[in-house]
Amino acid sequence: MNKKDSLLSIVCIIVTALIILVVLIGQSLRIENKLGIIPQLKVVQENKSIPIKPVISNDIYPMEKCSFTTESILTKFEGAQLTTADNGIPILCYHDVNPTKGNNLLLNPDKFRQQLKYLKDNGYFTLTLDELYGYLRDSAPIPSKSVVLTFDDGYIGNYTYAYPVLKEFGFTATIFMISECVDKDSYLTSSQIKELSEYGIDIESHTTDHSDLTKLSLSKQIDIMKESKHSLERLLNKPINYIAYPYGKLNDNSKKAAAAAGYKMAFNVQGTLTDKKDNIYNLDRFYIGNNFSMSDFIRIVTLKRT
């Protein structure tokens, strides 16, 4: 056998060995899959249609991974009839909960407790804004009796009077905080905001100073929305993804500004149900004041799209 034949034989042996190795690896993987050793790929495939909390990225928090799953939804909403139907969600807009009389923004604590007791006794569940976002954008399942509780401005009564009642009934809520009012008289303190956030109350943005956005340029709106967002993020060390427009007033630039500033949803106070057809930066809420009767409250939370 000459050198050329010897080299050819060696090449053939190497190729044959590689083919045998590939076959053996393939058989091993098939065996592991049958034994359930590598089921993760299947789980990802099955769950990809329920992205409840999407990946968030911004300047301060480069990446936040999904933190709740289908299983956690079923646990939180245990006993509820879940739906993805677009029947409309009542989002309630409170301001202060306070026994002081003479201002419709100051809801009497007894009235507030009566309203939450009605929700509890009649099988309602409160949604976080992440859960609302998952429902509106990705048709994530929610209870058929869902409601969203929000508070504008960040008054001290949210901590002193509303917070104990929310805990009593096991409800969550969102406080849209004016960032420059933190630690100011009549408003929430930094420590109170942190305590509320740790309990599960969402703290979100209500701009820096409660200016009428419709009187500001696009660039100015973006600036104050970003400043408020970053200020609250530094305080809480977590992303701020949602904003409520001061006075519920907005224009086309406001929606553009909210998107440009990195928010995922924005809210007005137009007194109608929010549904999947709404612009994500112009979501509707119902104002709830002290002059509302219990029948007014029940009418709002029982509304359905027809």
C-alpha atoms as a PDB file:
ATOM      1  CA  MET A   1       0.000   0.000   0.000  1.00  0.00           C
ATOM      2  CA  ASN A   2       1.472   3.335  -1.056  1.00  0.00           C
ATOM      3  CA  LYS A   3       1.256   6.577   0.938  1.00  0.00           C
ATOM      4  CA  LYS A   4      -1.748   7.828  -1.044  1.00  0.00           C
ATOM      5  CA  ASP A   5      -3.772   4.701  -0.275  1.00  0.00           C
ATOM      6  CA  SER A   6      -2.786   4.889   3.398  1.00  0.00           C
ATOM      7  CA  LEU A   7      -3.961   8.518   3.674  1.00  0.00           C
ATOM      8  CA  LEU A   8      -7.272   7.662   2.002  1.00  0.00           C
ATOM      9  CA  SER A   9      -7.827   4.807   4.441  1.00  0.00           C
ATOM     10  CA  ILE A  10      -7.212   7.092   7.413  1.00  0.00           C
ATOM     11  CA  VAL A  11      -9.697   9.662   6.088  1.00  0.00           C
ATOM     12  CA  CYS A  12     -12.343   6.962   5.610  1.00  0.00           C
ATOM     13  CA  ILE A  13     -11.824   5.720   9.156  1.00  0.00           C
ATOM     14  CA  ILE A  14     -12.213   9.261  10.593  1.00  0.00           C
ATOM     15  CA  VAL A  15     -15.396   9.943   8.585  1.00  0.00           C
ATOM     16  CA  THR A  16     -16.894   6.612   9.676  1.00  0.00           C
ATOM     17  CA  ALA A  17     -16.090   7.372  13.322  1.00  0.00           C
ATOM     18  CA  LEU A  18     -17.763  10.792  13.099  1.00  0.00           C
ATOM     19  CA  ILE A  19     -20.922   9.292  11.572  1.00  0.00           C
ATOM     20  CA  ILE A  20     -21.108   6.709  14.373  1.00  0.00           C
ATOM     21  CA  LEU A  21     -20.626   9.462  16.995  1.00  0.00           C
ATOM     22  CA  VAL A  22     -23.445  11.602  15.540  1.00  0.00           C
ATOM     23  CA  VAL A  23     -25.817   8.616  15.528  1.00  0.00           C
ATOM     24  CA  LEU A  24     -24.990   7.779  19.146  1.00  0.00           C
ATOM     25  CA  ILE A  25     -25.566  11.395  20.290  1.00  0.00           C
ATOM     26  CA  GLY A  26     -28.926  11.514  18.514  1.00  0.00           C
ATOM     27  CA  GLN A  27     -30.050   8.286  20.165  1.00  0.00           C
ATOM     28  CA  SER A  28     -28.963   9.628  23.567  1.00  0.00           C
ATOM     29  CA  LEU A  29     -30.977  12.832  23.159  1.00  0.00           C
ATOM     30  CA  ARG A  30     -34.082  10.901  22.116  1.00  0.00           C
ATOM     31  CA  ILE A  31     -33.770   8.701  25.184  1.00  0.00           C
ATOM     32  CA  GLU A  32     -33.371  11.725  27.498  1.00  0.00           C
ATOM     33  CA  ASN A  33     -36.419  13.379  25.970  1.00  0.00           C
ATOM     34  CA  LYS A  34     -38.525  10.242  26.512  1.00  0.00           C
ATOM     35  CA  LEU A  35     -37.394  10.092  30.141  1.00  0.00           C
ATOM     36  CA  GLY A  36     -38.420  13.747  30.699  1.00  0.00           C
ATOM     37  CA  ILE A  37     -34.854  14.948  31.303  1.00  0.00           C
ATOM     38  CA  ILE A  38     -35.151  17.841  28.806  1.00  0.00           C
ATOM     39  CA  PRO A  39     -38.817  18.948  28.823  1.00  0.00           C
ATOM     40  CA  GLN A  40     -38.079  22.680  29.024  1.00  0.00           C
ATOM     41  CA  LEU A  41     -38.405  23.290  25.294  1.00  0.00           C
ATOM     42  CA  LYS A  42     -41.944  21.960  25.342  1.00  0.00           C
ATOM     43  CA  VAL A  43     -42.897  24.160  28.305  1.00  0.00           C
ATOM     44  CA  VAL A  44     -41.652  27.305  26.582  1.00  0.00           C
ATOM     45  CA  GLN A  45     -43.575  26.371  23.444  1.00  0.00           C
ATOM     46  CA  GLU A  46     -46.795  25.828  25.385  1.00  0.00           C
ATOM     47  CA  ASN A  47     -46.566  29.012  27.479  1.00  0.00           C
ATOM     48  CA  LYS A  48     -45.399  31.485  24.859  1.00  0.00           C
ATOM     49  CA  SER A  49     -48.985  32.674  24.227  1.00  0.00           C
ATOM     50  CA  ILE A  50     -49.409  33.979  27.814  1.00  0.00           C
ATOM     51  CA  PRO A  51     -46.704  36.644  28.291  1.00  0.00           C
ATOM     52  CA  ILE A  52     -48.315  38.149  31.407  1.00  0.00           C
ATOM     53  CA  LYS A  53     -45.446  40.443  32.369  1.00  0.00           C
ATOM     54  CA  PRO A  54     -43.434  41.427  29.320  1.00  0.00           C
ATOM     55  CA  VAL A  55     -39.730  42.129  29.293  1.00  0.00           C
ATOM     56  CA  ILE A  56     -39.066  45.702  30.360  1.00  0.00           C
ATOM     57  CA  SER A  57     -36.052  47.716  29.273  1.00  0.00           C
ATOM     58  CA  ASN A  58     -35.044  51.264  30.063  1.00  0.00           C
ATOM     59  CA  ASP A  59     -32.018  53.344  30.957  1.00  0.00           C
ATOM     60  CA  ILE A  60     -31.944  52.421  34.639  1.00  0.00           C
ATOM     61  CA  TYR A  61     -33.160  48.824  34.417  1.00  0.00           C
ATOM     62  CA  PRO A  62     -31.628  47.190  31.306  1.00  0.00           C
ATOM     63  CA  MET A  63     -33.697  44.015  31.653  1.00  0.00           C
ATOM     64  CA  GLU A  64     -36.453  42.722  33.903  1.00  0.00           C
ATOM     65  CA  LYS A  65     -37.513  39.142  33.266  1.00  0.00           C
ATOM     66  CA  CYS A  66     -41.094  37.907  33.544  1.00  0.00           C
ATOM     67  CA  SER A  67     -41.912  37.451  37.232  1.00  0.00           C
ATOM     68  CA  PHE A  68     -45.268  35.700  37.176  1.00  0.00           C
ATOM     69  CA  THR A  69     -46.632  32.767  35.225  1.00  0.00           C
ATOM     70  CA  THR A  70     -49.861  31.033  34.316  1.00  0.00           C
ATOM     71  CA  GLU A  71     -49.619  29.109  37.591  1.00  0.00           C
ATOM     72  CA  SER A  72     -49.354  32.311  39.652  1.00  0.00           C
ATOM     73  CA  ILE A  73     -52.426  33.739  37.900  1.00  0.00           C
ATOM     74  CA  LEU A  74     -54.432  30.636  38.750  1.00  0.00           C
ATOM     75  CA  THR A  75     -53.234  30.840  42.365  1.00  0.00           C
ATOM     76  CA  LYS A  76     -54.099  34.527  42.820  1.00  0.00           C
ATOM     77  CA  PHE A  77     -57.464  34.213  41.093  1.00  0.00           C
ATOM     78  CA  GLU A  78     -58.364  30.860  42.635  1.00  0.00           C
ATOM     79  CA  GLY A  79     -62.108  30.274  42.475  1.00  0.00           C
ATOM     80  CA  ALA A  80     -62.675  32.968  39.846  1.00  0.00           C
ATOM     81  CA  GLN A  81     -64.208  32.420  36.433  1.00  0.00           C
ATOM     82  CA  LEU A  82     -61.423  33.513  34.069  1.00  0.00           C
ATOM     83  CA  THR A  83     -62.066  35.127  30.714  1.00  0.00           C
ATOM     84  CA  THR A  84     -60.320  36.849  27.826  1.00  0.00           C
ATOM     85  CA  ALA A  85     -63.563  38.376  26.487  1.00  0.00           C
ATOM     86  CA  ASP A  86     -63.507  42.095  25.697  1.00  0.00           C
ATOM     87  CA  ASN A  87     -66.388  43.121  27.977  1.00  0.00           C
ATOM     88  CA  GLY A  88     -64.695  46.238  29.333  1.00  0.00           C
ATOM     89  CA  ILE A  89     -62.934  46.842  32.657  1.00  0.00           C
ATOM     90  CA  PRO A  90     -64.033  49.489  35.185  1.00  0.00           C
ATOM     91  CA  ILE A  91     -60.956  51.448  36.283  1.00  0.00           C
ATOM     92  CA  LEU A  92     -61.796  53.637  39.270  1.00  0.00           C
ATOM     93  CA  CYS A  93     -60.033  56.946  39.935  1.00  0.00           C
ATOM     94  CA  TYR A  94     -59.914  58.056  43.574  1.00  0.00           C
ATOM     95  CA  HIS A  95     -57.930  60.930  45.059  1.00  0.00           C
ATOM     96  CA  ASP A  96     -57.794  61.209  48.845  1.00  0.00           C
ATOM     97  CA  VAL A  97     -59.551  59.050  51.436  1.00  0.00           C
ATOM     98  CA  ASN A  98     -60.089  61.337  54.393  1.00  0.00           C
ATOM     99  CA  PRO A  99     -62.861  62.105  56.920  1.00  0.00           C
ATOM    100  CA  THR A 100     -62.474  65.869  56.368  1.00  0.00           C
ATOM    101  CA  LYS A 101     -65.639  67.338  54.853  1.00  0.00           C
ATOM    102  CA  GLY A 102     -66.203  70.003  52.223  1.00  0.00           C
ATOM    103  CA  ASN A 103     -64.227  68.681  49.258  1.00  0.00           C
ATOM    104  CA  ASN A 104     -65.545  66.107  46.809  1.00  0.00           C
ATOM    105  CA  LEU A 105     -61.992  64.788  46.308  1.00  0.00           C
ATOM    106  CA  LEU A 106     -61.936  63.657  49.952  1.00  0.00           C
ATOM    107  CA  LEU A 107     -63.794  60.349  50.072  1.00  0.00           C
ATOM    108  CA  ASN A 108     -65.036  59.465  53.536  1.00  0.00           C
ATOM    109  CA  PRO A 109     -63.242  56.321  54.825  1.00  0.00           C
ATOM    110  CA  ASP A 110     -66.569  54.718  55.759  1.00  0.00           C
ATOM    111  CA  LYS A 111     -67.797  55.141  52.175  1.00  0.00           C
ATOM    112  CA  PHE A 112     -64.546  53.697  50.853  1.00  0.00           C
ATOM    113  CA  ARG A 113     -64.857  50.667  53.106  1.00  0.00           C
ATOM    114  CA  GLN A 114     -68.489  50.184  52.048  1.00  0.00           C
ATOM    115  CA  GLN A 115     -67.440  50.203  48.386  1.00  0.00           C
ATOM    116  CA  LEU A 116     -64.646  47.671  48.901  1.00  0.00           C
ATOM    117  CA  LYS A 117     -66.920  45.476  51.004  1.00  0.00           C
ATOM    118  CA  TYR A 118     -69.379  45.404  48.106  1.00  0.00           C
ATOM    119  CA  LEU A 119     -66.588  44.302  45.757  1.00  0.00           C
ATOM    120  CA  LYS A 120     -65.460  41.573  48.152  1.00  0.00           C
ATOM    121  CA  ASP A 121     -68.954  40.297  48.946  1.00  0.00           C
ATOM    122  CA  ASN A 122     -69.823  40.115  45.246  1.00  0.00           C
ATOM    123  CA  GLY A 123     -66.758  38.216  44.076  1.00  0.00           C
ATOM    124  CA  TYR A 124     -64.690  40.980  42.477  1.00  0.00           C
ATOM    125  CA  PHE A 125     -60.926  40.797  42.018  1.00  0.00           C
ATOM    126  CA  THR A 126     -58.597  43.797  41.754  1.00  0.00           C
ATOM    127  CA  LEU A 127     -56.016  43.823  38.960  1.00  0.00           C
ATOM    128  CA  THR A 128     -52.511  45.220  39.029  1.00  0.00           C
ATOM    129  CA  LEU A 129     -51.560  47.361  36.044  1.00  0.00           C
ATOM    130  CA  ASP A 130     -49.234  44.609  34.821  1.00  0.00           C
ATOM    131  CA  GLU A 131     -52.215  42.230  34.795  1.00  0.00           C
ATOM    132  CA  LEU A 132     -54.356  44.817  33.018  1.00  0.00           C
ATOM    133  CA  TYR A 133     -51.602  45.302  30.430  1.00  0.00           C
ATOM    134  CA  GLY A 134     -51.354  41.554  29.843  1.00  0.00           C
ATOM    135  CA  TYR A 135     -55.107  41.348  29.320  1.00  0.00           C
ATOM    136  CA  LEU A 136     -55.349  44.354  26.984  1.00  0.00           C
ATOM    137  CA  ARG A 137     -52.283  43.597  24.874  1.00  0.00           C
ATOM    138  CA  ASP A 138     -51.939  39.811  24.982  1.00  0.00           C
ATOM    139  CA  SER A 139     -55.414  38.548  25.973  1.00  0.00           C
ATOM    140  CA  ALA A 140     -54.106  37.095  29.223  1.00  0.00           C
ATOM    141  CA  PRO A 141     -56.985  35.606  31.253  1.00  0.00           C
ATOM    142  CA  ILE A 142     -58.506  37.666  34.068  1.00  0.00           C
ATOM    143  CA  PRO A 143     -61.524  37.149  36.347  1.00  0.00           C
ATOM    144  CA  SER A 144     -64.847  37.980  34.716  1.00  0.00           C
ATOM    145  CA  LYS A 145     -65.457  40.284  37.698  1.00  0.00           C
ATOM    146  CA  SER A 146     -62.359  42.453  37.526  1.00  0.00           C
ATOM    147  CA  VAL A 147     -61.835  46.036  38.652  1.00  0.00           C
ATOM    148  CA  VAL A 148     -58.802  48.337  38.852  1.00  0.00           C
ATOM    149  CA  LEU A 149     -58.431  50.740  41.790  1.00  0.00           C
ATOM    150  CA  THR A 150     -56.279  53.846  41.257  1.00  0.00           C
ATOM    151  CA  PHE A 151     -55.483  56.941  43.332  1.00  0.00           C
ATOM    152  CA  ASP A 152     -54.201  60.193  41.829  1.00  0.00           C
ATOM    153  CA  ASP A 153     -51.691  62.634  43.378  1.00  0.00           C
ATOM    154  CA  GLY A 154     -50.407  60.577  46.326  1.00  0.00           C
ATOM    155  CA  TYR A 155     -52.127  62.112  49.343  1.00  0.00           C
ATOM    156  CA  ILE A 156     -51.314  61.052  52.908  1.00  0.00           C
ATOM    157  CA  GLY A 157     -54.849  59.687  53.298  1.00  0.00           C
ATOM    158  CA  ASN A 158     -53.968  56.928  50.834  1.00  0.00           C
ATOM    159  CA  TYR A 159     -51.661  55.559  53.537  1.00  0.00           C
ATOM    160  CA  THR A 160     -53.579  56.540  56.674  1.00  0.00           C
ATOM    161  CA  TYR A 161     -57.107  55.558  55.615  1.00  0.00           C
ATOM    162  CA  ALA A 162     -57.139  53.666  52.287  1.00  0.00           C
ATOM    163  CA  TYR A 163     -54.212  51.309  52.907  1.00  0.00           C
ATOM    164  CA  PRO A 164     -55.714  49.603  56.016  1.00  0.00           C
ATOM    165  CA  VAL A 165     -58.995  48.973  54.171  1.00  0.00           C
ATOM    166  CA  LEU A 166     -57.188  47.569  51.124  1.00  0.00           C
ATOM    167  CA  LYS A 167     -55.306  45.174  53.418  1.00  0.00           C
ATOM    168  CA  GLU A 168     -58.505  44.228  55.245  1.00  0.00           C
ATOM    169  CA  PHE A 169     -60.118  42.993  52.029  1.00  0.00           C
ATOM    170  CA  GLY A 170     -56.948  41.702  50.365  1.00  0.00           C
ATOM    171  CA  PHE A 171     -57.149  44.136  47.452  1.00  0.00           C
ATOM    172  CA  THR A 172     -54.401  45.801  45.488  1.00  0.00           C
ATOM    173  CA  ALA A 173     -54.364  49.298  43.991  1.00  0.00           C
ATOM    174  CA  THR A 174     -52.216  51.813  42.128  1.00  0.00           C
ATOM    175  CA  ILE A 175     -51.140  55.245  43.371  1.00  0.00           C
ATOM    176  CA  PHE A 176     -50.168  57.730  40.659  1.00  0.00           C
ATOM    177  CA  MET A 177     -47.675  59.917  42.528  1.00  0.00           C
ATOM    178  CA  ILE A 178     -46.700  63.507  41.727  1.00  0.00           C
ATOM    179  CA  SER A 179     -42.964  62.980  42.071  1.00  0.00           C
ATOM    180  CA  GLU A 180     -42.091  66.482  43.327  1.00  0.00           C
ATOM    181  CA  CYS A 181     -44.706  66.145  46.097  1.00  0.00           C
ATOM    182  CA  VAL A 182     -42.980  63.208  47.803  1.00  0.00           C
ATOM    183  CA  ASP A 183     -42.271  64.170  51.450  1.00  0.00           C
ATOM    184  CA  LYS A 184     -44.312  67.370  51.103  1.00  0.00           C
ATOM    185  CA  ASP A 185     -47.077  68.365  53.521  1.00  0.00           C
ATOM    186  CA  SER A 186     -50.331  66.375  52.986  1.00  0.00           C
ATOM    187  CA  TYR A 187     -48.561  63.939  50.624  1.00  0.00           C
ATOM    188  CA  LEU A 188     -46.949  60.537  51.082  1.00  0.00           C
ATOM    189  CA  THR A 189     -43.459  60.313  52.554  1.00  0.00           C
ATOM    190  CA  SER A 190     -40.632  58.311  51.007  1.00  0.00           C
ATOM    191  CA  SER A 191     -40.860  55.652  53.715  1.00  0.00           C
ATOM    192  CA  GLN A 192     -44.637  55.321  53.305  1.00  0.00           C
ATOM    193  CA  ILE A 193     -44.260  54.956  49.535  1.00  0.00           C
ATOM    194  CA  LYS A 194     -41.668  52.215  50.016  1.00  0.00           C
ATOM    195  CA  GLU A 195     -43.907  50.384  52.501  1.00  0.00           C
ATOM    196  CA  LEU A 196     -46.890  50.564  50.157  1.00  0.00           C
ATOM    197  CA  SER A 197     -44.778  49.306  47.254  1.00  0.00           C
ATOM    198  CA  GLU A 198     -43.367  46.413  49.282  1.00  0.00           C
ATOM    199  CA  TYR A 199     -46.904  45.376  50.248  1.00  0.00           C
ATOM    200  CA  GLY A 200     -47.934  45.243  46.583  1.00  0.00           C
ATOM    201  CA  ILE A 201     -49.484  48.644  45.957  1.00  0.00           C
ATOM    202  CA  ASP A 202     -48.271  49.908  42.568  1.00  0.00           C
ATOM    203  CA  ILE A 203     -46.586  53.313  42.699  1.00  0.00           C
ATOM    204  CA  GLU A 204     -46.648  54.950  39.272  1.00  0.00           C
ATOM    205  CA  SER A 205     -46.212  58.403  37.717  1.00  0.00           C
ATOM    206  CA  HIS A 206     -48.493  61.454  37.766  1.00  0.00           C
ATOM    207  CA  THR A 207     -45.774  63.693  36.244  1.00  0.00           C
ATOM    208  CA  THR A 208     -43.442  65.920  38.252  1.00  0.00           C
ATOM    209  CA  ASP A 209     -45.729  68.813  39.191  1.00  0.00           C
ATOM    210  CA  HIS A 210     -49.270  68.116  37.946  1.00  0.00           C
ATOM    211  CA  SER A 211     -49.045  70.599  35.061  1.00  0.00           C
ATOM    212  CA  ASP A 212     -51.788  70.748  32.442  1.00  0.00           C
ATOM    213  CA  LEU A 213     -50.043  68.802  29.678  1.00  0.00           C
ATOM    214  CA  THR A 214     -52.237  70.250  26.939  1.00  0.00           C
ATOM    215  CA  LYS A 215     -50.544  73.627  27.465  1.00  0.00           C
ATOM    216  CA  LEU A 216     -47.015  72.232  27.030  1.00  0.00           C
ATOM    217  CA  SER A 217     -44.928  71.432  23.969  1.00  0.00           C
ATOM    218  CA  LEU A 218     -44.171  67.846  23.027  1.00  0.00           C
ATOM    219  CA  SER A 219     -40.561  68.132  24.203  1.00  0.00           C
ATOM    220  CA  LYS A 220     -41.600  69.627  27.554  1.00  0.00           C
ATOM    221  CA  GLN A 221     -44.155  66.867  28.094  1.00  0.00           C
ATOM    222  CA  ILE A 222     -41.506  64.237  27.392  1.00  0.00           C
ATOM    223  CA  ASP A 223     -39.093  65.924  29.813  1.00  0.00           C
ATOM    224  CA  ILE A 224     -41.458  66.017  32.791  1.00  0.00           C
ATOM    225  CA  MET A 225     -42.710  62.488  32.138  1.00  0.00           C
ATOM    226  CA  LYS A 226     -39.150  61.158  32.024  1.00  0.00           C
ATOM    227  CA  GLU A 227     -38.094  63.135  35.089  1.00  0.00           C
ATOM    228  CA  SER A 228     -41.011  61.819  37.148  1.00  0.00           C
ATOM    229  CA  LYS A 229     -40.396  58.259  35.974  1.00  0.00           C
ATOM    230  CA  HIS A 230     -36.697  58.301  36.827  1.00  0.00           C
ATOM    231  CA  SER A 231     -37.246  60.028  40.180  1.00  0.00           C
ATOM    232  CA  LEU A 232     -39.670  57.333  41.345  1.00  0.00           C
ATOM    233  CA  GLU A 233     -37.462  54.576  39.947  1.00  0.00           C
ATOM    234  CA  ARG A 234     -34.532  55.842  42.009  1.00  0.00           C
ATOM    235  CA  LEU A 235     -36.727  55.955  45.116  1.00  0.00           C
ATOM    236  CA  LEU A 236     -38.179  52.459  44.721  1.00  0.00           C
ATOM    237  CA  ASN A 237     -35.419  50.705  42.780  1.00  0.00           C
ATOM    238  CA  LYS A 238     -37.963  49.241  40.378  1.00  0.00           C
ATOM    239  CA  PRO A 239     -39.344  50.217  36.950  1.00  0.00           C
ATOM    240  CA  ILE A 240     -42.136  52.786  36.660  1.00  0.00           C
ATOM    241  CA  ASN A 241     -44.155  51.781  33.600  1.00  0.00           C
ATOM    242  CA  TYR A 242     -47.489  53.610  33.825  1.00  0.00           C
ATOM    243  CA  ILE A 243     -48.701  57.204  34.031  1.00  0.00           C
ATOM    244  CA  ALA A 244     -51.966  59.068  34.668  1.00  0.00           C
ATOM    245  CA  TYR A 245     -52.417  62.426  32.957  1.00  0.00           C
ATOM    246  CA  PRO A 246     -52.970  65.338  35.397  1.00  0.00           C
ATOM    247  CA  TYR A 247     -56.648  66.375  35.463  1.00  0.00           C
ATOM    248  CA  GLY A 248     -57.206  63.494  33.020  1.00  0.00           C
ATOM    249  CA  LYS A 249     -56.361  65.948  30.223  1.00  0.00           C
ATOM    250  CA  LEU A 250     -54.284  65.049  27.177  1.00  0.00           C
ATOM    251  CA  ASN A 251     -53.728  65.796  23.507  1.00  0.00           C
ATOM    252  CA  ASP A 252     -52.039  63.916  20.677  1.00  0.00           C
ATOM    253  CA  ASN A 253     -48.634  65.083  21.900  1.00  0.00           C
ATOM    254  CA  SER A 254     -49.365  63.626  25.342  1.00  0.00           C
ATOM    255  CA  LYS A 255     -49.783  60.147  23.894  1.00  0.00           C
ATOM    256  CA  LYS A 256     -46.587  60.555  21.870  1.00  0.00           C
ATOM    257  CA  ALA A 257     -44.759  61.833  24.945  1.00  0.00           C
ATOM    258  CA  ALA A 258     -45.882  58.931  27.138  1.00  0.00           C
ATOM    259  CA  ALA A 259     -44.584  56.453  24.574  1.00  0.00           C
ATOM    260  CA  ALA A 260     -41.327  58.374  24.068  1.00  0.00           C
ATOM    261  CA  ALA A 261     -40.757  58.578  27.836  1.00  0.00           C
ATOM    262  CA  GLY A 262     -40.920  54.792  28.113  1.00  0.00           C
ATOM    263  CA  TYR A 263     -44.370  54.198  29.593  1.00  0.00           C
ATOM    264  CA  LYS A 264     -46.435  51.159  28.593  1.00  0.00           C
ATOM    265  CA  MET A 265     -49.909  52.597  29.346  1.00  0.00           C
ATOM    266  CA  ALA A 266     -51.407  55.986  30.197  1.00  0.00           C
ATOM    267  CA  PHE A 267     -54.751  56.911  31.756  1.00  0.00           C
ATOM    268  CA  ASN A 268     -57.375  59.653  31.469  1.00  0.00           C
ATOM    269  CA  VAL A 269     -60.625  60.248  33.416  1.00  0.00           C
ATOM    270  CA  GLN A 270     -63.327  60.082  30.740  1.00  0.00           C
ATOM    271  CA  GLY A 271     -65.894  58.015  32.618  1.00  0.00           C
ATOM    272  CA  THR A 272     -66.177  54.930  30.404  1.00  0.00           C
ATOM    273  CA  LEU A 273     -65.018  51.323  30.493  1.00  0.00           C
ATOM    274  CA  THR A 274     -61.563  50.428  29.235  1.00  0.00           C
ATOM    275  CA  ASP A 275     -61.391  47.730  26.583  1.00  0.00           C
ATOM    276  CA  LYS A 276     -58.967  46.208  24.080  1.00  0.00           C
ATOM    277  CA  LYS A 277     -59.980  48.637  21.341  1.00  0.00           C
ATOM    278  CA  ASP A 278     -58.777  51.655  23.348  1.00  0.00           C
ATOM    279  CA  ASN A 279     -55.524  53.412  22.571  1.00  0.00           C
ATOM    280  CA  ILE A 280     -53.041  52.063  25.125  1.00  0.00           C
ATOM    281  CA  TYR A 281     -51.984  55.658  25.881  1.00  0.00           C
ATOM    282  CA  ASN A 282     -55.554  56.900  26.385  1.00  0.00           C
ATOM    283  CA  LEU A 283     -57.233  54.434  28.721  1.00  0.00           C
ATOM    284  CA  ASP A 284     -60.484  55.385  30.408  1.00  0.00           C
ATOM    285  CA  ARG A 285     -61.221  55.688  34.132  1.00  0.00           C
ATOM    286  CA  PHE A 286     -64.237  56.611  36.267  1.00  0.00           C
ATOM    287  CA  TYR A 287     -63.826  59.442  38.757  1.00  0.00           C
ATOM    288  CA  ILE A 288     -65.134  58.438  42.199  1.00  0.00           C
ATOM    289  CA  GLY A 289     -65.930  61.340  44.526  1.00  0.00           C
ATOM    290  CA  ASN A 290     -67.500  61.741  47.947  1.00  0.00           C
ATOM    291  CA  ASN A 291     -70.820  62.775  46.391  1.00  0.00           C
ATOM    292  CA  PHE A 292     -71.213  59.343  44.763  1.00  0.00           C
ATOM    293  CA  SER A 293     -73.971  57.222  46.246  1.00  0.00           C
ATOM    294  CA  MET A 294     -73.603  53.483  46.696  1.00  0.00           C
ATOM    295  CA  SER A 295     -76.018  52.935  43.821  1.00  0.00           C
ATOM    296  CA  ASP A 296     -73.778  55.121  41.612  1.00  0.00           C
ATOM    297  CA  PHE A 297     -70.794  52.972  42.557  1.00  0.00           C
ATOM    298  CA  ILE A 298     -72.624  49.699  41.864  1.00  0.00           C
ATOM    299  CA  ARG A 299     -73.835  50.975  38.496  1.00  0.00           C
ATOM    300  CA  ILE A 300     -70.247  51.708  37.431  1.00  0.00           C
ATOM    301  CA  VAL A 301     -68.639  48.432  38.503  1.00  0.00           C
ATOM    302  CA  THR A 302     -71.431  46.332  36.998  1.00  0.00           C
ATOM    303  CA  LEU A 303     -71.291  47.995  33.565  1.00  0.00           C
ATOM    304  CA  LYS A 304     -70.540  45.712  30.626  1.00  0.00           C
ATOM    305  CA  ARG A 305     -69.873  46.365  26.959  1.00  0.00           C
ATOM    306  CA  THR A 306     -72.815  45.323  24.800  1.00  0.00           C
END
